[in-house]
Every structure is written in structure tokens, then in C-alpha cells.
Amino acid sequence: MKISFPSLRPPARLMALLAVPAAALAAGACAHAQVRAIPPPGLDVHASGFFLNDKGDVLTARHVVAGCRSVYVVKDSRVVQASVAALSPSLDLAVLGTALKPYLSATFAQTAPVPHASIGVFTEAYGVLQRLPNRATLLSNAMTIPASGGDEENGLQLISGAQPGASGSAVVGNSGLLLGVVVERVAASPGASGRVLSRAATAAGAPTGATQVHAISAAQVKQFLRENGIGFSESDAPQIGPLQSPAARASTLAVGVICG
């Protein structure tokens, strides 16, 4: 069972930033309304996502956009309105179409990591990534939990300190390949409910410290994308060098998501 958070209206200061260029209106409404000003410092995002391809498609968690009257995507000094391109209720995934042109998009691991071995990975919310002082040298901040029996089909389980805002964040391995996408914190005990990791009006009651977190595996994500005709890249070739940081790559891929 997941705990859903109520839809949040976009901040008034964000609404003041959004404007459709006159040329776009003259030619017919453009698909995405682009900001013509830099968002003020401290603009808060509700959840995370990351670039899938050079078209600017963004992957996030479905519960992040469920019930939203409008969805906005934030990257550095730009905010654009997004459209929902594909949804998977069973996997809790959503693809957003945006007008952003990414500097870098994700490369999925072609071969899944060994399921019975624990490995260090990196995953973090967009808002935290922007303020992370040591991301150029940070190699990992989470560990995968070895699967047993038929658990491989249940996605990727992590021990992570992910907090509200991390829903939709990429799970990046030490070679820079994408291994999964975070969707929820797992129930801590039998009979307890899980908790989605998008921001609520208040984060009161959210557990702190490292706990078990559930991510949709790269294999599951790729199948969903293929079924919906969404372009992506996959490879087993390392995307970063042995001395480069997965955290820095995650920061380049990441975007913030705001539910309006």
C-alpha cells in the first residue's frame, strides 16, 4: 500500500514566471510553455526525474503527476510546462514530454547487475543534488539489496537515505549506467504501509536515515519505454571513468518536477 499525497497548487511566484511567447501563440499553442526568466533562488520542487533522450523526454514516477492539473519541469535556470507522454500504473512510471534540450541523457545498463551481489550506487533528489557540496568526488550513497529466489522481477531494492523529493530519481551505478528509478520507501515492518517519496505539503512523519527503498529496475523501465515507443539508449560500456563521480553524472541528468 502506498500513501498518496494531495495535489499541490504551483507557487504563485512560479506561475508569474511562466509565459508563452507571442510568436508561439500566433502559430498556434506550442506544446510546452517556456519560461523567459530565471526562477528565484529556493524554488521548491515536489519530485525528481531525469532525461531519457535528446528530445528532452523525462522519466519520473507516475504518482508524482497523478491528479496534477499541470506539470512543470525545472532544470538549472529554466522552467517549462510538460505534457504526459506515457504512464504505467503497475510500475508507477511516467514519461513527460518537454521543450528542454538536455546536455546529457541517460544510458541504461544493457545487462542487469548480478542480482545476488550488493553494489554501491548513487541516487538523490534533484533539490538535494543542486546543493550537494562534494558531488564531484562522491562515488555512492546507497547499496543494492541482494535478491533471493524470484525477487529479481520485483525491481531493485536499495538501502538509501532518500527523502521526500526523491521519487523519480535515477539510480546510477559506478560506471555511470542507469540501473533503475526510485519510486517509494518500502514498509519497515510487516503490515506497515510504504511511503511514496514525492514532497507533501509537510514532510512531518517522514522517516530519516537509511531505510529500504524500492526502485523500478532498468529492465522493467526499458520494456515500458519500448511498449510506448519512447527512445532511449542502452549499453554495457562505462559512461564515466574509474575516477569520475556517478553523483556528478546524476546531477547532469536530473530535473525537478512540480505538480500544479
Foldseek 3Di string as FASTA:
>chain_A
DEDAFDFDDADPQVVVQWDADPVCVVVPPDQKTKGPWFRDPPRDFFAKWFAFDQQRKTKFFQSQAPPFPWKWKFDHRIIMTWDWQDADPVQRMTIIGTNDGAPDGAAAAPDADQQQDKAFWAAEALVVLVVDPPQFQDAGAKIWHRDDDPCVQVATKIFHQYAARRGHAFIAHNLLHTFWGWFWFCDQDPPGHIYGRTHHVDRPPIDGDTGMTGTHTSVRVVVRCVVSVHDGHYDNHRPDDNRGHSSVSSNSGMMGMHGD
